[in-house]
Amino acid sequence: MELGLIAIGAGLAVGITGLASGWAEKDVGAAAVGAMTEDPSLFGKGMILMVLPETIVIFGLVVAILLIFVTGASV
């Protein structure tokens, strides 16, 4: 039972952070494309700003791995 709840928590950690990242990238991507249409030299800055929301998913993945391997090992 506990292992199933840990798996649900790990899935939620990755899933919710993935949704939040997609939501953030939607706004950042629209702004970056709009800025690049006016000034193509902003491509590099737009790419960096598109990568930043992805770190949220990486943090969620780290939490999920910690949940499964650290907490799950004691079950």
PDB file of N, CA and C in Angstrom:
ATOM      1  N   MET A   1       0.822  -1.199   0.000  1.00  0.00           N
ATOM      2  CA  MET A   1       0.000   0.000   0.000  1.00  0.00           C
ATOM      3  C   MET A   1       0.865   1.261   0.000  1.00  0.00           C
ATOM      4  N   GLU A   2       1.900   1.266   0.878  1.00  0.00           N
ATOM      5  CA  GLU A   2       2.751   2.448   0.941  1.00  0.00           C
ATOM      6  C   GLU A   2       3.534   2.654  -0.351  1.00  0.00           C
ATOM      7  N   LEU A   3       3.974   1.559  -0.964  1.00  0.00           N
ATOM      8  CA  LEU A   3       4.726   1.675  -2.204  1.00  0.00           C
ATOM      9  C   LEU A   3       3.863   2.273  -3.316  1.00  0.00           C
ATOM     10  N   GLY A   4       2.579   1.937  -3.333  1.00  0.00           N
ATOM     11  CA  GLY A   4       1.669   2.508  -4.316  1.00  0.00           C
ATOM     12  C   GLY A   4       1.472   3.999  -4.114  1.00  0.00           C
ATOM     13  N   LEU A   5       1.381   4.421  -2.860  1.00  0.00           N
ATOM     14  CA  LEU A   5       1.242   5.847  -2.578  1.00  0.00           C
ATOM     15  C   LEU A   5       2.510   6.612  -2.927  1.00  0.00           C
ATOM     16  N   ILE A   6       3.655   5.993  -2.717  1.00  0.00           N
ATOM     17  CA  ILE A   6       4.921   6.622  -3.110  1.00  0.00           C
ATOM     18  C   ILE A   6       4.967   6.791  -4.625  1.00  0.00           C
ATOM     19  N   ALA A   7       4.523   5.778  -5.358  1.00  0.00           N
ATOM     20  CA  ALA A   7       4.502   5.853  -6.821  1.00  0.00           C
ATOM     21  C   ALA A   7       3.542   6.938  -7.302  1.00  0.00           C
ATOM     22  N   ILE A   8       2.399   7.061  -6.642  1.00  0.00           N
ATOM     23  CA  ILE A   8       1.450   8.126  -7.007  1.00  0.00           C
ATOM     24  C   ILE A   8       2.069   9.496  -6.730  1.00  0.00           C
ATOM     25  N   GLY A   9       2.739   9.641  -5.587  1.00  0.00           N
ATOM     26  CA  GLY A   9       3.395  10.907  -5.265  1.00  0.00           C
ATOM     27  C   GLY A   9       4.490  11.251  -6.262  1.00  0.00           C
ATOM     28  N   ALA A  10       5.264  10.254  -6.679  1.00  0.00           N
ATOM     29  CA  ALA A  10       6.319  10.490  -7.665  1.00  0.00           C
ATOM     30  C   ALA A  10       5.715  10.890  -9.009  1.00  0.00           C
ATOM     31  N   GLY A  11       4.644  10.226  -9.392  1.00  0.00           N
ATOM     32  CA  GLY A  11       3.978  10.583 -10.648  1.00  0.00           C
ATOM     33  C   GLY A  11       3.405  11.974 -10.620  1.00  0.00           C
ATOM     34  N   LEU A  12       2.817  12.346  -9.488  1.00  0.00           N
ATOM     35  CA  LEU A  12       2.293  13.707  -9.350  1.00  0.00           C
ATOM     36  C   LEU A  12       3.412  14.737  -9.383  1.00  0.00           C
ATOM     37  N   ALA A  13       4.550  14.411  -8.778  1.00  0.00           N
ATOM     38  CA  ALA A  13       5.674  15.347  -8.768  1.00  0.00           C
ATOM     39  C   ALA A  13       6.140  15.657 -10.186  1.00  0.00           C
ATOM     40  N   VAL A  14       6.233  14.638 -11.009  1.00  0.00           N
ATOM     41  CA  VAL A  14       6.677  14.856 -12.390  1.00  0.00           C
ATOM     42  C   VAL A  14       5.548  15.449 -13.238  1.00  0.00           C
ATOM     43  N   GLY A  15       4.332  14.961 -13.064  1.00  0.00           N
ATOM     44  CA  GLY A  15       3.213  15.417 -13.889  1.00  0.00           C
ATOM     45  C   GLY A  15       2.846  16.864 -13.658  1.00  0.00           C
ATOM     46  N   ILE A  16       2.757  17.263 -12.405  1.00  0.00           N
ATOM     47  CA  ILE A  16       2.365  18.646 -12.113  1.00  0.00           C
ATOM     48  C   ILE A  16       3.461  19.622 -12.528  1.00  0.00           C
ATOM     49  N   THR A  17       4.724  19.246 -12.299  1.00  0.00           N
ATOM     50  CA  THR A  17       5.797  20.141 -12.739  1.00  0.00           C
ATOM     51  C   THR A  17       5.860  20.214 -14.266  1.00  0.00           C
ATOM     52  N   GLY A  18       5.518  19.110 -14.935  1.00  0.00           N
ATOM     53  CA  GLY A  18       5.465  19.145 -16.395  1.00  0.00           C
ATOM     54  C   GLY A  18       4.376  20.073 -16.908  1.00  0.00           C
ATOM     55  N   LEU A  19       3.216  20.032 -16.269  1.00  0.00           N
ATOM     56  CA  LEU A  19       2.132  20.940 -16.661  1.00  0.00           C
ATOM     57  C   LEU A  19       2.514  22.398 -16.397  1.00  0.00           C
ATOM     58  N   ALA A  20       3.125  22.653 -15.252  1.00  0.00           N
ATOM     59  CA  ALA A  20       3.532  24.022 -14.924  1.00  0.00           C
ATOM     60  C   ALA A  20       4.590  24.529 -15.898  1.00  0.00           C
ATOM     61  N   SER A  21       5.503  23.652 -16.281  1.00  0.00           N
ATOM     62  CA  SER A  21       6.534  24.036 -17.233  1.00  0.00           C
ATOM     63  C   SER A  21       5.928  24.354 -18.599  1.00  0.00           C
ATOM     64  N   GLY A  22       4.994  23.539 -19.031  1.00  0.00           N
ATOM     65  CA  GLY A  22       4.330  23.812 -20.307  1.00  0.00           C
ATOM     66  C   GLY A  22       3.553  25.108 -20.290  1.00  0.00           C
ATOM     67  N   TRP A  23       2.921  25.381 -19.174  1.00  0.00           N
ATOM     68  CA  TRP A  23       2.169  26.625 -19.034  1.00  0.00           C
ATOM     69  C   TRP A  23       3.110  27.835 -19.085  1.00  0.00           C
ATOM     70  N   ALA A  24       4.255  27.726 -18.431  1.00  0.00           N
ATOM     71  CA  ALA A  24       5.223  28.823 -18.445  1.00  0.00           C
ATOM     72  C   ALA A  24       5.849  28.985 -19.831  1.00  0.00           C
ATOM     73  N   GLU A  25       6.151  27.871 -20.475  1.00  0.00           N
ATOM     74  CA  GLU A  25       6.770  27.946 -21.801  1.00  0.00           C
ATOM     75  C   GLU A  25       5.836  28.534 -22.839  1.00  0.00           C
ATOM     76  N   LYS A  26       4.544  28.359 -22.654  1.00  0.00           N
ATOM     77  CA  LYS A  26       3.579  28.948 -23.577  1.00  0.00           C
ATOM     78  C   LYS A  26       3.738  30.467 -23.603  1.00  0.00           C
ATOM     79  N   ASP A  27       3.805  31.074 -22.443  1.00  0.00           N
ATOM     80  CA  ASP A  27       3.916  32.528 -22.375  1.00  0.00           C
ATOM     81  C   ASP A  27       5.303  33.009 -22.804  1.00  0.00           C
ATOM     82  N   VAL A  28       6.328  32.310 -22.345  1.00  0.00           N
ATOM     83  CA  VAL A  28       7.691  32.702 -22.693  1.00  0.00           C
ATOM     84  C   VAL A  28       7.929  32.526 -24.190  1.00  0.00           C
ATOM     85  N   GLY A  29       7.425  31.432 -24.748  1.00  0.00           N
ATOM     86  CA  GLY A  29       7.613  31.180 -26.174  1.00  0.00           C
ATOM     87  C   GLY A  29       6.931  32.217 -27.045  1.00  0.00           C
ATOM     88  N   ALA A  30       5.729  32.601 -26.671  1.00  0.00           N
ATOM     89  CA  ALA A  30       5.021  33.621 -27.438  1.00  0.00           C
ATOM     90  C   ALA A  30       5.767  34.948 -27.388  1.00  0.00           C
ATOM     91  N   ALA A  31       6.262  35.309 -26.225  1.00  0.00           N
ATOM     92  CA  ALA A  31       7.008  36.561 -26.090  1.00  0.00           C
ATOM     93  C   ALA A  31       8.335  36.499 -26.850  1.00  0.00           C
ATOM     94  N   ALA A  32       9.006  35.345 -26.797  1.00  0.00           N
ATOM     95  CA  ALA A  32      10.290  35.204 -27.491  1.00  0.00           C
ATOM     96  C   ALA A  32      10.117  35.278 -29.003  1.00  0.00           C
ATOM     97  N   VAL A  33       9.091  34.637 -29.520  1.00  0.00           N
ATOM     98  CA  VAL A  33       8.856  34.684 -30.965  1.00  0.00           C
ATOM     99  C   VAL A  33       8.493  36.108 -31.394  1.00  0.00           C
ATOM    100  N   GLY A  34       7.687  36.785 -30.585  1.00  0.00           N
ATOM    101  CA  GLY A  34       7.342  38.170 -30.901  1.00  0.00           C
ATOM    102  C   GLY A  34       8.558  39.077 -30.890  1.00  0.00           C
ATOM    103  N   ALA A  35       9.447  38.862 -29.942  1.00  0.00           N
ATOM    104  CA  ALA A  35      10.659  39.685 -29.870  1.00  0.00           C
ATOM    105  C   ALA A  35      11.595  39.379 -31.037  1.00  0.00           C
ATOM    106  N   MET A  36      11.675  38.091 -31.426  1.00  0.00           N
ATOM    107  CA  MET A  36      12.569  37.727 -32.534  1.00  0.00           C
ATOM    108  C   MET A  36      12.057  38.206 -33.881  1.00  0.00           C
ATOM    109  N   THR A  37      10.755  38.393 -34.014  1.00  0.00           N
ATOM    110  CA  THR A  37      10.253  38.930 -35.284  1.00  0.00           C
ATOM    111  C   THR A  37      10.643  40.392 -35.447  1.00  0.00           C
ATOM    112  N   GLU A  38      10.776  41.100 -34.339  1.00  0.00           N
ATOM    113  CA  GLU A  38      11.194  42.496 -34.413  1.00  0.00           C
ATOM    114  C   GLU A  38      12.706  42.642 -34.500  1.00  0.00           C
ATOM    115  N   ASP A  39      13.443  41.767 -33.790  1.00  0.00           N
ATOM    116  CA  ASP A  39      14.912  41.856 -33.776  1.00  0.00           C
ATOM    117  C   ASP A  39      15.491  40.445 -33.755  1.00  0.00           C
ATOM    118  N   PRO A  40      15.934  39.934 -34.912  1.00  0.00           N
ATOM    119  CA  PRO A  40      16.443  38.548 -34.974  1.00  0.00           C
ATOM    120  C   PRO A  40      17.668  38.290 -34.100  1.00  0.00           C
ATOM    121  N   SER A  41      18.348  39.323 -33.648  1.00  0.00           N
ATOM    122  CA  SER A  41      19.528  39.112 -32.805  1.00  0.00           C
ATOM    123  C   SER A  41      19.142  38.638 -31.400  1.00  0.00           C
ATOM    124  N   LEU A  42      17.861  38.631 -31.065  1.00  0.00           N
ATOM    125  CA  LEU A  42      17.401  38.182 -29.752  1.00  0.00           C
ATOM    126  C   LEU A  42      17.163  36.677 -29.689  1.00  0.00           C
ATOM    127  N   PHE A  43      17.597  35.955 -30.731  1.00  0.00           N
ATOM    128  CA  PHE A  43      17.366  34.508 -30.774  1.00  0.00           C
ATOM    129  C   PHE A  43      18.022  33.792 -29.597  1.00  0.00           C
ATOM    130  N   GLY A  44      19.258  34.132 -29.286  1.00  0.00           N
ATOM    131  CA  GLY A  44      19.974  33.478 -28.191  1.00  0.00           C
ATOM    132  C   GLY A  44      19.305  33.705 -26.854  1.00  0.00           C
ATOM    133  N   LYS A  45      18.881  34.936 -26.609  1.00  0.00           N
ATOM    134  CA  LYS A  45      18.193  35.238 -25.349  1.00  0.00           C
ATOM    135  C   LYS A  45      16.854  34.511 -25.275  1.00  0.00           C
ATOM    136  N   GLY A  46      16.168  34.405 -26.396  1.00  0.00           N
ATOM    137  CA  GLY A  46      14.902  33.683 -26.428  1.00  0.00           C
ATOM    138  C   GLY A  46      15.090  32.202 -26.133  1.00  0.00           C
ATOM    139  N   MET A  47      16.172  31.615 -26.654  1.00  0.00           N
ATOM    140  CA  MET A  47      16.448  30.201 -26.390  1.00  0.00           C
ATOM    141  C   MET A  47      16.770  29.970 -24.920  1.00  0.00           C
ATOM    142  N   ILE A  48      17.537  30.874 -24.322  1.00  0.00           N
ATOM    143  CA  ILE A  48      17.861  30.737 -22.896  1.00  0.00           C
ATOM    144  C   ILE A  48      16.593  30.851 -22.058  1.00  0.00           C
ATOM    145  N   LEU A  49      15.725  31.780 -22.405  1.00  0.00           N
ATOM    146  CA  LEU A  49      14.483  31.940 -21.649  1.00  0.00           C
ATOM    147  C   LEU A  49      13.539  30.758 -21.840  1.00  0.00           C
ATOM    148  N   MET A  50      13.647  30.059 -22.962  1.00  0.00           N
ATOM    149  CA  MET A  50      12.813  28.870 -23.167  1.00  0.00           C
ATOM    150  C   MET A  50      13.313  27.687 -22.342  1.00  0.00           C
ATOM    151  N   VAL A  51      14.587  27.667 -22.015  1.00  0.00           N
ATOM    152  CA  VAL A  51      15.155  26.552 -21.254  1.00  0.00           C
ATOM    153  C   VAL A  51      14.849  26.693 -19.759  1.00  0.00           C
ATOM    154  N   LEU A  52      14.717  27.900 -19.273  1.00  0.00           N
ATOM    155  CA  LEU A  52      14.526  28.119 -17.838  1.00  0.00           C
ATOM    156  C   LEU A  52      13.307  27.390 -17.253  1.00  0.00           C
ATOM    157  N   PRO A  53      12.147  27.405 -17.887  1.00  0.00           N
ATOM    158  CA  PRO A  53      11.024  26.652 -17.291  1.00  0.00           C
ATOM    159  C   PRO A  53      11.248  25.141 -17.238  1.00  0.00           C
ATOM    160  N   GLU A  54      12.130  24.625 -18.083  1.00  0.00           N
ATOM    161  CA  GLU A  54      12.396  23.187 -18.072  1.00  0.00           C
ATOM    162  C   GLU A  54      13.086  22.742 -16.789  1.00  0.00           C
ATOM    163  N   THR A  55      13.750  23.676 -16.096  1.00  0.00           N
ATOM    164  CA  THR A  55      14.401  23.298 -14.845  1.00  0.00           C
ATOM    165  C   THR A  55      13.368  22.877 -13.803  1.00  0.00           C
ATOM    166  N   ILE A  56      12.158  23.378 -13.915  1.00  0.00           N
ATOM    167  CA  ILE A  56      11.105  22.981 -12.985  1.00  0.00           C
ATOM    168  C   ILE A  56      10.834  21.483 -13.121  1.00  0.00           C
ATOM    169  N   VAL A  57      10.827  20.982 -14.340  1.00  0.00           N
ATOM    170  CA  VAL A  57      10.588  19.555 -14.563  1.00  0.00           C
ATOM    171  C   VAL A  57      11.750  18.731 -14.019  1.00  0.00           C
ATOM    172  N   ILE A  58      12.963  19.248 -14.170  1.00  0.00           N
ATOM    173  CA  ILE A  58      14.120  18.531 -13.642  1.00  0.00           C
ATOM    174  C   ILE A  58      14.021  18.425 -12.125  1.00  0.00           C
ATOM    175  N   PHE A  59      13.590  19.495 -11.466  1.00  0.00           N
ATOM    176  CA  PHE A  59      13.412  19.444 -10.016  1.00  0.00           C
ATOM    177  C   PHE A  59      12.330  18.436  -9.635  1.00  0.00           C
ATOM    178  N   GLY A  60      11.249  18.389 -10.384  1.00  0.00           N
ATOM    179  CA  GLY A  60      10.203  17.405 -10.128  1.00  0.00           C
ATOM    180  C   GLY A  60      10.705  15.984 -10.322  1.00  0.00           C
ATOM    181  N   LEU A  61      11.554  15.774 -11.321  1.00  0.00           N
ATOM    182  CA  LEU A  61      12.126  14.455 -11.549  1.00  0.00           C
ATOM    183  C   LEU A  61      13.054  14.059 -10.408  1.00  0.00           C
ATOM    184  N   VAL A  62      13.827  15.009  -9.911  1.00  0.00           N
ATOM    185  CA  VAL A  62      14.713  14.730  -8.776  1.00  0.00           C
ATOM    186  C   VAL A  62      13.889  14.348  -7.548  1.00  0.00           C
ATOM    187  N   VAL A  63      12.796  15.062  -7.306  1.00  0.00           N
ATOM    188  CA  VAL A  63      11.929  14.732  -6.169  1.00  0.00           C
ATOM    189  C   VAL A  63      11.336  13.340  -6.350  1.00  0.00           C
ATOM    190  N   ALA A  64      10.924  13.007  -7.560  1.00  0.00           N
ATOM    191  CA  ALA A  64      10.352  11.680  -7.807  1.00  0.00           C
ATOM    192  C   ALA A  64      11.389  10.582  -7.590  1.00  0.00           C
ATOM    193  N   ILE A  65      12.600  10.809  -8.039  1.00  0.00           N
ATOM    194  CA  ILE A  65      13.661   9.819  -7.846  1.00  0.00           C
ATOM    195  C   ILE A  65      13.954   9.652  -6.360  1.00  0.00           C
ATOM    196  N   LEU A  66      14.005  10.769  -5.631  1.00  0.00           N
ATOM    197  CA  LEU A  66      14.232  10.673  -4.196  1.00  0.00           C
ATOM    198  C   LEU A  66      13.090   9.932  -3.499  1.00  0.00           C
ATOM    199  N   LEU A  67      11.861  10.189  -3.926  1.00  0.00           N
ATOM    200  CA  LEU A  67      10.723   9.485  -3.330  1.00  0.00           C
ATOM    201  C   LEU A  67      10.811   7.982  -3.558  1.00  0.00           C
ATOM    202  N   ILE A  68      11.147   7.593  -4.773  1.00  0.00           N
ATOM    203  CA  ILE A  68      11.149   6.181  -5.095  1.00  0.00           C
ATOM    204  C   ILE A  68      12.327   5.459  -4.452  1.00  0.00           C
ATOM    205  N   PHE A  69      13.515   6.035  -4.572  1.00  0.00           N
ATOM    206  CA  PHE A  69      14.694   5.299  -4.126  1.00  0.00           C
ATOM    207  C   PHE A  69      15.029   5.481  -2.653  1.00  0.00           C
ATOM    208  N   VAL A  70      14.744   6.627  -2.083  1.00  0.00           N
ATOM    209  CA  VAL A  70      15.062   6.847  -0.675  1.00  0.00           C
ATOM    210  C   VAL A  70      13.909   6.383   0.212  1.00  0.00           C
ATOM    211  N   THR A  71      12.716   6.872  -0.067  1.00  0.00           N
ATOM    212  CA  THR A  71      11.571   6.489   0.749  1.00  0.00           C
ATOM    213  C   THR A  71      11.117   5.075   0.422  1.00  0.00           C
ATOM    214  N   GLY A  72      11.143   4.701  -0.838  1.00  0.00           N
ATOM    215  CA  GLY A  72      10.698   3.378  -1.244  1.00  0.00           C
ATOM    216  C   GLY A  72      11.613   2.269  -0.770  1.00  0.00           C
ATOM    217  N   ALA A  73      12.880   2.590  -0.511  1.00  0.00           N
ATOM    218  CA  ALA A  73      13.817   1.566  -0.076  1.00  0.00           C
ATOM    219  C   ALA A  73      13.533   1.103   1.339  1.00  0.00           C
ATOM    220  N   SER A  74      12.891   1.969   2.127  1.00  0.00           N
ATOM    221  CA  SER A  74      12.624   1.602   3.516  1.00  0.00           C
ATOM    222  C   SER A  74      11.336   0.797   3.680  1.00  0.00           C
ATOM    223  N   VAL A  75      10.560   0.672   2.594  1.00  0.00           N
ATOM    224  CA  VAL A  75       9.279  -0.063   2.690  1.00  0.00           C
ATOM    225  C   VAL A  75       9.518  -1.547   2.635  1.00  0.00           C
TER     226      VAL A  75
END
